[in-house]
Amino acid sequence: MHMLIPLREQKILCEALRLKRPILIEGESGTGKTGLGHWLLQQNQEGHSMPLIYVNCKEFSREQLESVFDTRFTKRNMHSMFLIDGIELLSLNLQAKLLSYLEQHPLYLVSIAHVSMAKKVARGEFRPDLYARIKCHNIILKSLREQTEDLPEILQKMAFSLAHLELTPEILHSLCKHDWPGNLTEVTFLFENIRLLPKLPNSGDWSRLLKQSHKAQSSTVEDSELQSLREQGLKKFLRKIEQSLVRKIYENNQGHVRKTLQDLKISSGAFYRAFTP
């Protein structure tokens, strides 16, 4: 997703990482945070042989994360490149451990947050000293609805990159009216499907393609869920749905745990079980 970041900003971020100044990437779902994080580390890794240590906090329970941090954040790995995805999920105990490690060892560190970290700090859910450490350089990826002026260029770039397609002014005007709730993920889905068509769409086909793309995406999800149901059984399948809903509401509430508990009318135990694989 680096093509959506201005060249000047790319150079600043890469230079910051080269100097071991931690970078924090924030933004809502589908804006390309993880892609940008991997791209940054890849750019900085050119000419080096350092291993990449990727920690996706959403894949582990709180107890498992303790073990992950104890085994990966060690002196042996101090010259590695770290990408922490979902840093807002770290417990206060792990926050203290990470802060201590950062104070002792300057790292190639990129952190990804799916909620506003400033709000987490204001609510006392994230250490302000660690927040200051991880956001030496902070980039907030905007949703597509916040980029009305840049949206035509974004769509044109992605159309060419994904489908080798040049969009006409009329088509761009039509696509810019769409809300794009899925952000870059939704755009990617559309153009990757267009690339598979036997011929390029006519100017009058785009509204239909957007609707078909939405239906196809929904159908793909339904087929995938049916297959998962058969493989996992009803109990595990329903648990996965519950976990997904809790995480989604938590993300929509900008990482506010108490509000999520109130909205879903669940206990704190049920909330934390949603982050247990």
C-alpha atoms as a PDB file:
ATOM      1  CA  MET A   1       0.000   0.000   0.000  1.00  0.00           C
ATOM      2  CA  HIS A   2       3.045   2.250  -0.181  1.00  0.00           C
ATOM      3  CA  MET A   3       1.754   3.716  -3.452  1.00  0.00           C
ATOM      4  CA  LEU A   4      -0.902   5.541  -1.407  1.00  0.00           C
ATOM      5  CA  ILE A   5       1.680   7.219   0.806  1.00  0.00           C
ATOM      6  CA  PRO A   6       3.333  10.392  -0.599  1.00  0.00           C
ATOM      7  CA  LEU A   7       6.945   9.855  -1.648  1.00  0.00           C
ATOM      8  CA  ARG A   8       8.199  12.454   0.840  1.00  0.00           C
ATOM      9  CA  GLU A   9       6.368  10.639   3.662  1.00  0.00           C
ATOM     10  CA  GLN A  10       7.777   7.302   2.510  1.00  0.00           C
ATOM     11  CA  LYS A  11      11.327   8.645   2.715  1.00  0.00           C
ATOM     12  CA  ILE A  12      10.744  10.155   6.174  1.00  0.00           C
ATOM     13  CA  LEU A  13       9.309   6.888   7.523  1.00  0.00           C
ATOM     14  CA  CYS A  14      12.072   4.735   6.054  1.00  0.00           C
ATOM     15  CA  GLU A  15      14.722   7.099   7.424  1.00  0.00           C
ATOM     16  CA  ALA A  16      13.081   7.025  10.856  1.00  0.00           C
ATOM     17  CA  LEU A  17      13.139   3.236  10.862  1.00  0.00           C
ATOM     18  CA  ARG A  18      16.745   3.173   9.662  1.00  0.00           C
ATOM     19  CA  LEU A  19      17.665   5.329  12.648  1.00  0.00           C
ATOM     20  CA  LYS A  20      15.744   2.920  14.916  1.00  0.00           C
ATOM     21  CA  ARG A  21      13.025   5.416  15.708  1.00  0.00           C
ATOM     22  CA  PRO A  22       9.820   3.443  16.363  1.00  0.00           C
ATOM     23  CA  ILE A  23       6.847   4.037  14.073  1.00  0.00           C
ATOM     24  CA  LEU A  24       3.174   3.779  15.044  1.00  0.00           C
ATOM     25  CA  ILE A  25       0.557   3.203  12.320  1.00  0.00           C
ATOM     26  CA  GLU A  26      -3.108   3.824  13.160  1.00  0.00           C
ATOM     27  CA  GLY A  27      -6.323   3.618  11.141  1.00  0.00           C
ATOM     28  CA  GLU A  28      -9.657   1.874  10.800  1.00  0.00           C
ATOM     29  CA  SER A  29     -10.260  -1.525   9.212  1.00  0.00           C
ATOM     30  CA  GLY A  30      -9.262  -1.940   5.583  1.00  0.00           C
ATOM     31  CA  THR A  31      -6.998   1.121   5.341  1.00  0.00           C
ATOM     32  CA  GLY A  32      -3.820  -0.904   4.720  1.00  0.00           C
ATOM     33  CA  LYS A  33      -2.034  -0.661   8.083  1.00  0.00           C
ATOM     34  CA  THR A  34      -0.510  -4.131   8.085  1.00  0.00           C
ATOM     35  CA  GLY A  35       0.502  -3.852   4.425  1.00  0.00           C
ATOM     36  CA  LEU A  36       2.273  -0.565   5.100  1.00  0.00           C
ATOM     37  CA  GLY A  37       4.026  -2.007   8.135  1.00  0.00           C
ATOM     38  CA  HIS A  38       5.395  -4.976   6.182  1.00  0.00           C
ATOM     39  CA  TRP A  39       6.384  -2.696   3.312  1.00  0.00           C
ATOM     40  CA  LEU A  40       8.329  -0.400   5.626  1.00  0.00           C
ATOM     41  CA  LEU A  41      10.268  -3.262   7.151  1.00  0.00           C
ATOM     42  CA  GLN A  42      10.939  -4.735   3.720  1.00  0.00           C
ATOM     43  CA  GLN A  43      12.335  -1.416   2.473  1.00  0.00           C
ATOM     44  CA  ASN A  44      14.544  -1.067   5.496  1.00  0.00           C
ATOM     45  CA  GLN A  45      15.705  -4.672   5.293  1.00  0.00           C
ATOM     46  CA  GLU A  46      17.249  -4.283   1.841  1.00  0.00           C
ATOM     47  CA  GLY A  47      20.952  -4.927   2.160  1.00  0.00           C
ATOM     48  CA  HIS A  48      20.501  -6.440   5.626  1.00  0.00           C
ATOM     49  CA  SER A  49      20.007 -10.011   6.761  1.00  0.00           C
ATOM     50  CA  MET A  50      18.004  -9.273   9.902  1.00  0.00           C
ATOM     51  CA  PRO A  51      15.084 -11.611  10.673  1.00  0.00           C
ATOM     52  CA  LEU A  52      11.564 -10.212  10.878  1.00  0.00           C
ATOM     53  CA  ILE A  53       9.634 -10.951  14.061  1.00  0.00           C
ATOM     54  CA  TYR A  54       5.895 -10.466  13.477  1.00  0.00           C
ATOM     55  CA  VAL A  55       3.568 -10.577  16.485  1.00  0.00           C
ATOM     56  CA  ASN A  56      -0.165 -10.462  15.742  1.00  0.00           C
ATOM     57  CA  CYS A  57      -1.647  -9.789  19.168  1.00  0.00           C
ATOM     58  CA  LYS A  58      -5.154 -10.732  18.002  1.00  0.00           C
ATOM     59  CA  GLU A  59      -4.045 -14.342  17.514  1.00  0.00           C
ATOM     60  CA  PHE A  60      -3.175 -14.918  21.166  1.00  0.00           C
ATOM     61  CA  SER A  61      -4.865 -14.891  24.540  1.00  0.00           C
ATOM     62  CA  ARG A  62      -3.432 -12.626  27.246  1.00  0.00           C
ATOM     63  CA  GLU A  63      -1.606 -15.591  28.786  1.00  0.00           C
ATOM     64  CA  GLN A  64      -0.200 -16.713  25.442  1.00  0.00           C
ATOM     65  CA  LEU A  65       1.038 -13.200  24.707  1.00  0.00           C
ATOM     66  CA  GLU A  66       3.064 -13.279  27.915  1.00  0.00           C
ATOM     67  CA  SER A  67       4.866 -16.374  26.629  1.00  0.00           C
ATOM     68  CA  VAL A  68       5.288 -14.884  23.147  1.00  0.00           C
ATOM     69  CA  PHE A  69       6.915 -11.745  24.527  1.00  0.00           C
ATOM     70  CA  ASP A  70       9.173 -13.705  26.877  1.00  0.00           C
ATOM     71  CA  THR A  71      10.506 -15.808  23.995  1.00  0.00           C
ATOM     72  CA  ARG A  72      10.734 -13.177  21.251  1.00  0.00           C
ATOM     73  CA  PHE A  73      11.758  -9.999  23.044  1.00  0.00           C
ATOM     74  CA  THR A  74      15.176 -11.175  24.214  1.00  0.00           C
ATOM     75  CA  LYS A  75      18.743  -9.955  23.901  1.00  0.00           C
ATOM     76  CA  ARG A  76      19.288 -12.602  21.222  1.00  0.00           C
ATOM     77  CA  ASN A  77      16.719 -10.858  18.997  1.00  0.00           C
ATOM     78  CA  MET A  78      17.749  -7.281  19.675  1.00  0.00           C
ATOM     79  CA  HIS A  79      19.012  -6.881  16.083  1.00  0.00           C
ATOM     80  CA  SER A  80      15.786  -8.203  14.550  1.00  0.00           C
ATOM     81  CA  MET A  81      13.021  -6.156  12.946  1.00  0.00           C
ATOM     82  CA  PHE A  82       9.780  -6.173  14.942  1.00  0.00           C
ATOM     83  CA  LEU A  83       6.222  -5.664  13.749  1.00  0.00           C
ATOM     84  CA  ILE A  84       3.572  -5.652  16.491  1.00  0.00           C
ATOM     85  CA  ASP A  85       0.048  -5.831  15.064  1.00  0.00           C
ATOM     86  CA  GLY A  86      -2.709  -4.876  17.531  1.00  0.00           C
ATOM     87  CA  ILE A  87      -0.475  -3.267  20.135  1.00  0.00           C
ATOM     88  CA  GLU A  88      -3.561  -1.809  21.842  1.00  0.00           C
ATOM     89  CA  LEU A  89      -4.348  -5.318  23.142  1.00  0.00           C
ATOM     90  CA  LEU A  90      -1.246  -5.559  25.352  1.00  0.00           C
ATOM     91  CA  SER A  91      -1.969  -5.861  29.049  1.00  0.00           C
ATOM     92  CA  LEU A  92      -0.450  -3.294  31.410  1.00  0.00           C
ATOM     93  CA  ASN A  93       2.034  -5.963  32.514  1.00  0.00           C
ATOM     94  CA  LEU A  94       3.200  -6.568  28.944  1.00  0.00           C
ATOM     95  CA  GLN A  95       3.315  -2.834  28.321  1.00  0.00           C
ATOM     96  CA  ALA A  96       5.758  -2.543  31.208  1.00  0.00           C
ATOM     97  CA  LYS A  97       7.871  -5.391  29.800  1.00  0.00           C
ATOM     98  CA  LEU A  98       7.977  -3.851  26.341  1.00  0.00           C
ATOM     99  CA  LEU A  99       8.871  -0.428  27.744  1.00  0.00           C
ATOM    100  CA  SER A 100      11.728  -1.922  29.740  1.00  0.00           C
ATOM    101  CA  TYR A 101      13.023  -3.716  26.660  1.00  0.00           C
ATOM    102  CA  LEU A 102      12.830  -0.577  24.532  1.00  0.00           C
ATOM    103  CA  GLU A 103      14.713   1.413  27.170  1.00  0.00           C
ATOM    104  CA  GLN A 104      17.559  -1.095  27.047  1.00  0.00           C
ATOM    105  CA  HIS A 105      17.614  -1.891  23.324  1.00  0.00           C
ATOM    106  CA  PRO A 106      16.845   0.518  20.470  1.00  0.00           C
ATOM    107  CA  LEU A 107      14.784  -1.540  18.024  1.00  0.00           C
ATOM    108  CA  TYR A 108      13.621  -1.600  14.442  1.00  0.00           C
ATOM    109  CA  LEU A 109      10.007  -1.414  15.593  1.00  0.00           C
ATOM    110  CA  VAL A 110       6.748  -0.798  13.748  1.00  0.00           C
ATOM    111  CA  SER A 111       3.543  -0.936  15.791  1.00  0.00           C
ATOM    112  CA  ILE A 112       0.021  -1.163  14.368  1.00  0.00           C
ATOM    113  CA  ALA A 113      -3.064  -0.003  16.272  1.00  0.00           C
ATOM    114  CA  HIS A 114      -6.657  -0.537  15.188  1.00  0.00           C
ATOM    115  CA  VAL A 115      -7.989   2.077  17.621  1.00  0.00           C
ATOM    116  CA  SER A 116      -6.940   5.561  18.726  1.00  0.00           C
ATOM    117  CA  MET A 117      -3.987   5.086  21.063  1.00  0.00           C
ATOM    118  CA  ALA A 118      -4.269   8.647  22.371  1.00  0.00           C
ATOM    119  CA  LYS A 119      -7.768   7.801  23.620  1.00  0.00           C
ATOM    120  CA  LYS A 120      -6.478   4.585  25.200  1.00  0.00           C
ATOM    121  CA  VAL A 121      -3.871   6.621  27.055  1.00  0.00           C
ATOM    122  CA  ALA A 122      -6.455   9.196  28.150  1.00  0.00           C
ATOM    123  CA  ARG A 123      -8.606   6.422  29.632  1.00  0.00           C
ATOM    124  CA  GLY A 124      -5.675   4.944  31.534  1.00  0.00           C
ATOM    125  CA  GLU A 125      -5.678   1.760  29.433  1.00  0.00           C
ATOM    126  CA  PHE A 126      -2.255   2.307  27.892  1.00  0.00           C
ATOM    127  CA  ARG A 127       0.928   3.613  29.491  1.00  0.00           C
ATOM    128  CA  PRO A 128       1.737   7.173  28.383  1.00  0.00           C
ATOM    129  CA  ASP A 129       5.492   6.533  28.647  1.00  0.00           C
ATOM    130  CA  LEU A 130       5.254   3.520  26.324  1.00  0.00           C
ATOM    131  CA  TYR A 131       2.969   5.464  23.971  1.00  0.00           C
ATOM    132  CA  ALA A 132       5.621   8.191  23.736  1.00  0.00           C
ATOM    133  CA  ARG A 133       8.235   5.537  22.957  1.00  0.00           C
ATOM    134  CA  ILE A 134       6.385   3.750  20.162  1.00  0.00           C
ATOM    135  CA  LYS A 135       5.171   6.867  18.369  1.00  0.00           C
ATOM    136  CA  CYS A 136       8.401   8.671  17.603  1.00  0.00           C
ATOM    137  CA  HIS A 137       6.829   8.822  14.156  1.00  0.00           C
ATOM    138  CA  ASN A 138       3.057   8.447  13.987  1.00  0.00           C
ATOM    139  CA  ILE A 139       1.079   7.958  10.785  1.00  0.00           C
ATOM    140  CA  ILE A 140      -2.730   7.755  10.730  1.00  0.00           C
ATOM    141  CA  LEU A 141      -4.138   6.146   7.602  1.00  0.00           C
ATOM    142  CA  LYS A 142      -7.390   7.825   6.626  1.00  0.00           C
ATOM    143  CA  SER A 143     -10.505   6.019   5.472  1.00  0.00           C
ATOM    144  CA  LEU A 144     -11.468   6.537   1.835  1.00  0.00           C
ATOM    145  CA  ARG A 145     -14.461   8.655   2.852  1.00  0.00           C
ATOM    146  CA  GLU A 146     -11.986  11.091   4.424  1.00  0.00           C
ATOM    147  CA  GLN A 147      -9.978  11.395   1.203  1.00  0.00           C
ATOM    148  CA  THR A 148     -12.495  12.853  -1.217  1.00  0.00           C
ATOM    149  CA  GLU A 149      -9.872  14.988  -2.986  1.00  0.00           C
ATOM    150  CA  ASP A 150      -7.383  12.133  -3.365  1.00  0.00           C
ATOM    151  CA  LEU A 151      -9.931   9.378  -4.054  1.00  0.00           C
ATOM    152  CA  PRO A 152      -9.820   9.660  -7.892  1.00  0.00           C
ATOM    153  CA  GLU A 153      -6.027   9.263  -7.896  1.00  0.00           C
ATOM    154  CA  ILE A 154      -6.218   6.363  -5.416  1.00  0.00           C
ATOM    155  CA  LEU A 155      -8.799   4.533  -7.510  1.00  0.00           C
ATOM    156  CA  GLN A 156      -6.849   5.172 -10.702  1.00  0.00           C
ATOM    157  CA  LYS A 157      -3.622   3.840  -9.208  1.00  0.00           C
ATOM    158  CA  MET A 158      -5.272   0.722  -7.813  1.00  0.00           C
ATOM    159  CA  ALA A 159      -7.190   0.060 -11.038  1.00  0.00           C
ATOM    160  CA  PHE A 160      -3.939   0.137 -13.010  1.00  0.00           C
ATOM    161  CA  SER A 161      -1.978  -1.836 -10.418  1.00  0.00           C
ATOM    162  CA  LEU A 162      -4.562  -4.585  -9.911  1.00  0.00           C
ATOM    163  CA  ALA A 163      -6.340  -4.769 -13.289  1.00  0.00           C
ATOM    164  CA  HIS A 164      -4.076  -2.855 -15.731  1.00  0.00           C
ATOM    165  CA  LEU A 165      -7.063  -0.589 -16.281  1.00  0.00           C
ATOM    166  CA  GLU A 166      -7.224   3.125 -17.116  1.00  0.00           C
ATOM    167  CA  LEU A 167     -10.397   4.662 -15.670  1.00  0.00           C
ATOM    168  CA  THR A 168     -12.166   7.351 -17.664  1.00  0.00           C
ATOM    169  CA  PRO A 169     -13.286  10.594 -15.967  1.00  0.00           C
ATOM    170  CA  GLU A 170     -16.909   9.409 -16.178  1.00  0.00           C
ATOM    171  CA  ILE A 171     -16.135   6.099 -14.474  1.00  0.00           C
ATOM    172  CA  LEU A 172     -14.044   7.806 -11.799  1.00  0.00           C
ATOM    173  CA  HIS A 173     -16.888  10.201 -11.088  1.00  0.00           C
ATOM    174  CA  SER A 174     -19.268   7.270 -10.647  1.00  0.00           C
ATOM    175  CA  LEU A 175     -16.899   5.309  -8.401  1.00  0.00           C
ATOM    176  CA  CYS A 176     -16.204   8.342  -6.226  1.00  0.00           C
ATOM    177  CA  LYS A 177     -19.901   8.461  -5.304  1.00  0.00           C
ATOM    178  CA  HIS A 178     -19.590   5.045  -3.662  1.00  0.00           C
ATOM    179  CA  ASP A 179     -19.079   5.001   0.138  1.00  0.00           C
ATOM    180  CA  TRP A 180     -16.356   2.309   0.111  1.00  0.00           C
ATOM    181  CA  PRO A 181     -17.083   1.127   3.686  1.00  0.00           C
ATOM    182  CA  GLY A 182     -14.457  -1.593   3.275  1.00  0.00           C
ATOM    183  CA  ASN A 183     -11.811   0.984   2.303  1.00  0.00           C
ATOM    184  CA  LEU A 184      -8.829  -0.396   0.370  1.00  0.00           C
ATOM    185  CA  THR A 185      -9.907  -3.988   0.988  1.00  0.00           C
ATOM    186  CA  GLU A 186     -13.157  -3.334  -0.871  1.00  0.00           C
ATOM    187  CA  VAL A 187     -11.388  -1.545  -3.738  1.00  0.00           C
ATOM    188  CA  THR A 188      -8.939  -4.422  -4.058  1.00  0.00           C
ATOM    189  CA  PHE A 189     -11.785  -6.941  -4.195  1.00  0.00           C
ATOM    190  CA  LEU A 190     -13.514  -5.019  -6.993  1.00  0.00           C
ATOM    191  CA  PHE A 191     -10.514  -4.590  -9.275  1.00  0.00           C
ATOM    192  CA  GLU A 192      -9.159  -8.098  -8.735  1.00  0.00           C
ATOM    193  CA  ASN A 193     -12.539  -9.430  -9.866  1.00  0.00           C
ATOM    194  CA  ILE A 194     -12.585  -7.093 -12.881  1.00  0.00           C
ATOM    195  CA  ARG A 195      -9.172  -8.419 -13.872  1.00  0.00           C
ATOM    196  CA  LEU A 196     -10.744 -11.879 -14.246  1.00  0.00           C
ATOM    197  CA  LEU A 197     -13.472 -10.695 -16.644  1.00  0.00           C
ATOM    198  CA  PRO A 198     -13.136 -11.787 -20.301  1.00  0.00           C
ATOM    199  CA  LYS A 199     -13.450  -8.165 -21.445  1.00  0.00           C
ATOM    200  CA  LEU A 200     -13.254  -4.752 -19.842  1.00  0.00           C
ATOM    201  CA  PRO A 201     -16.544  -3.323 -18.550  1.00  0.00           C
ATOM    202  CA  ASN A 202     -18.406  -0.606 -20.416  1.00  0.00           C
ATOM    203  CA  SER A 203     -18.993   2.779 -18.804  1.00  0.00           C
ATOM    204  CA  GLY A 204     -22.581   1.874 -17.957  1.00  0.00           C
ATOM    205  CA  ASP A 205     -21.624  -1.367 -16.198  1.00  0.00           C
ATOM    206  CA  TRP A 206     -19.898   0.014 -13.134  1.00  0.00           C
ATOM    207  CA  SER A 207     -22.933   0.452 -10.882  1.00  0.00           C
ATOM    208  CA  ARG A 208     -23.900  -3.134 -11.603  1.00  0.00           C
ATOM    209  CA  LEU A 209     -20.344  -4.328 -11.004  1.00  0.00           C
ATOM    210  CA  LEU A 210     -20.249  -2.625  -7.614  1.00  0.00           C
ATOM    211  CA  LYS A 211     -23.478  -4.355  -6.623  1.00  0.00           C
ATOM    212  CA  GLN A 212     -22.329  -7.697  -8.018  1.00  0.00           C
ATOM    213  CA  SER A 213     -19.015  -7.333  -6.276  1.00  0.00           C
ATOM    214  CA  HIS A 214     -20.809  -6.753  -2.979  1.00  0.00           C
ATOM    215  CA  LYS A 215     -23.041  -9.799  -3.568  1.00  0.00           C
ATOM    216  CA  ALA A 216     -20.093 -11.931  -4.626  1.00  0.00           C
ATOM    217  CA  GLN A 217     -18.177 -10.878  -1.543  1.00  0.00           C
ATOM    218  CA  SER A 218     -21.160 -11.779   0.646  1.00  0.00           C
ATOM    219  CA  SER A 219     -21.561 -15.098  -1.171  1.00  0.00           C
ATOM    220  CA  THR A 220     -17.874 -15.895  -0.721  1.00  0.00           C
ATOM    221  CA  VAL A 221     -18.181 -15.211   2.995  1.00  0.00           C
ATOM    222  CA  GLU A 222     -21.290 -17.418   3.236  1.00  0.00           C
ATOM    223  CA  ASP A 223     -19.597 -20.317   1.405  1.00  0.00           C
ATOM    224  CA  SER A 224     -16.550 -19.961   3.602  1.00  0.00           C
ATOM    225  CA  GLU A 225     -18.667 -19.898   6.752  1.00  0.00           C
ATOM    226  CA  LEU A 226     -20.588 -23.012   5.674  1.00  0.00           C
ATOM    227  CA  GLN A 227     -17.327 -24.835   5.088  1.00  0.00           C
ATOM    228  CA  SER A 228     -16.049 -23.683   8.486  1.00  0.00           C
ATOM    229  CA  LEU A 229     -19.261 -24.903  10.132  1.00  0.00           C
ATOM    230  CA  ARG A 230     -18.787 -28.349   8.635  1.00  0.00           C
ATOM    231  CA  GLU A 231     -15.153 -28.516   9.676  1.00  0.00           C
ATOM    232  CA  GLN A 232     -15.458 -27.065  13.195  1.00  0.00           C
ATOM    233  CA  GLY A 233     -18.888 -28.131  14.335  1.00  0.00           C
ATOM    234  CA  LEU A 234     -21.618 -25.819  15.633  1.00  0.00           C
ATOM    235  CA  LYS A 235     -20.100 -25.079  19.057  1.00  0.00           C
ATOM    236  CA  LYS A 236     -16.732 -23.889  17.780  1.00  0.00           C
ATOM    237  CA  PHE A 237     -18.349 -22.111  14.841  1.00  0.00           C
ATOM    238  CA  LEU A 238     -20.659 -20.076  17.097  1.00  0.00           C
ATOM    239  CA  ARG A 239     -17.735 -19.259  19.376  1.00  0.00           C
ATOM    240  CA  LYS A 240     -15.842 -17.841  16.381  1.00  0.00           C
ATOM    241  CA  ILE A 241     -18.842 -15.682  15.482  1.00  0.00           C
ATOM    242  CA  GLU A 242     -19.073 -14.418  19.056  1.00  0.00           C
ATOM    243  CA  GLN A 243     -15.360 -13.580  19.074  1.00  0.00           C
ATOM    244  CA  SER A 244     -15.672 -11.725  15.780  1.00  0.00           C
ATOM    245  CA  LEU A 245     -18.638  -9.659  16.976  1.00  0.00           C
ATOM    246  CA  VAL A 246     -16.980  -8.709  20.266  1.00  0.00           C
ATOM    247  CA  ARG A 247     -13.782  -7.673  18.487  1.00  0.00           C
ATOM    248  CA  LYS A 248     -15.729  -5.661  15.915  1.00  0.00           C
ATOM    249  CA  ILE A 249     -17.717  -3.726  18.542  1.00  0.00           C
ATOM    250  CA  TYR A 250     -14.505  -3.197  20.508  1.00  0.00           C
ATOM    251  CA  GLU A 251     -12.866  -1.738  17.396  1.00  0.00           C
ATOM    252  CA  ASN A 252     -15.912   0.439  16.639  1.00  0.00           C
ATOM    253  CA  ASN A 253     -15.747   1.748  20.207  1.00  0.00           C
ATOM    254  CA  GLN A 254     -12.142   2.850  19.595  1.00  0.00           C
ATOM    255  CA  GLY A 255     -10.757   0.356  22.114  1.00  0.00           C
ATOM    256  CA  HIS A 256     -13.057   1.394  24.970  1.00  0.00           C
ATOM    257  CA  VAL A 257     -13.516  -1.792  27.019  1.00  0.00           C
ATOM    258  CA  ARG A 258     -16.216  -0.525  29.389  1.00  0.00           C
ATOM    259  CA  LYS A 259     -18.403   0.790  26.578  1.00  0.00           C
ATOM    260  CA  THR A 260     -18.043  -2.529  24.734  1.00  0.00           C
ATOM    261  CA  LEU A 261     -19.183  -4.411  27.847  1.00  0.00           C
ATOM    262  CA  GLN A 262     -22.188  -2.105  28.148  1.00  0.00           C
ATOM    263  CA  ASP A 263     -23.128  -2.306  24.456  1.00  0.00           C
ATOM    264  CA  LEU A 264     -22.969  -6.107  24.364  1.00  0.00           C
ATOM    265  CA  LYS A 265     -24.206  -6.631  27.951  1.00  0.00           C
ATOM    266  CA  ILE A 266     -21.428  -9.133  28.677  1.00  0.00           C
ATOM    267  CA  SER A 267     -19.008  -9.674  31.545  1.00  0.00           C
ATOM    268  CA  SER A 268     -15.340  -8.774  31.422  1.00  0.00           C
ATOM    269  CA  GLY A 269     -14.566 -12.500  31.396  1.00  0.00           C
ATOM    270  CA  ALA A 270     -16.663 -12.984  28.252  1.00  0.00           C
ATOM    271  CA  PHE A 271     -14.929  -9.996  26.678  1.00  0.00           C
ATOM    272  CA  TYR A 272     -11.399 -11.330  27.232  1.00  0.00           C
ATOM    273  CA  ARG A 273     -12.432 -14.825  26.107  1.00  0.00           C
ATOM    274  CA  ALA A 274     -13.165 -13.245  22.727  1.00  0.00           C
ATOM    275  CA  PHE A 275      -9.410 -12.691  22.318  1.00  0.00           C
ATOM    276  CA  THR A 276      -8.564 -16.294  23.209  1.00  0.00           C
ATOM    277  CA  PRO A 277      -8.032 -18.605  20.210  1.00  0.00           C
END
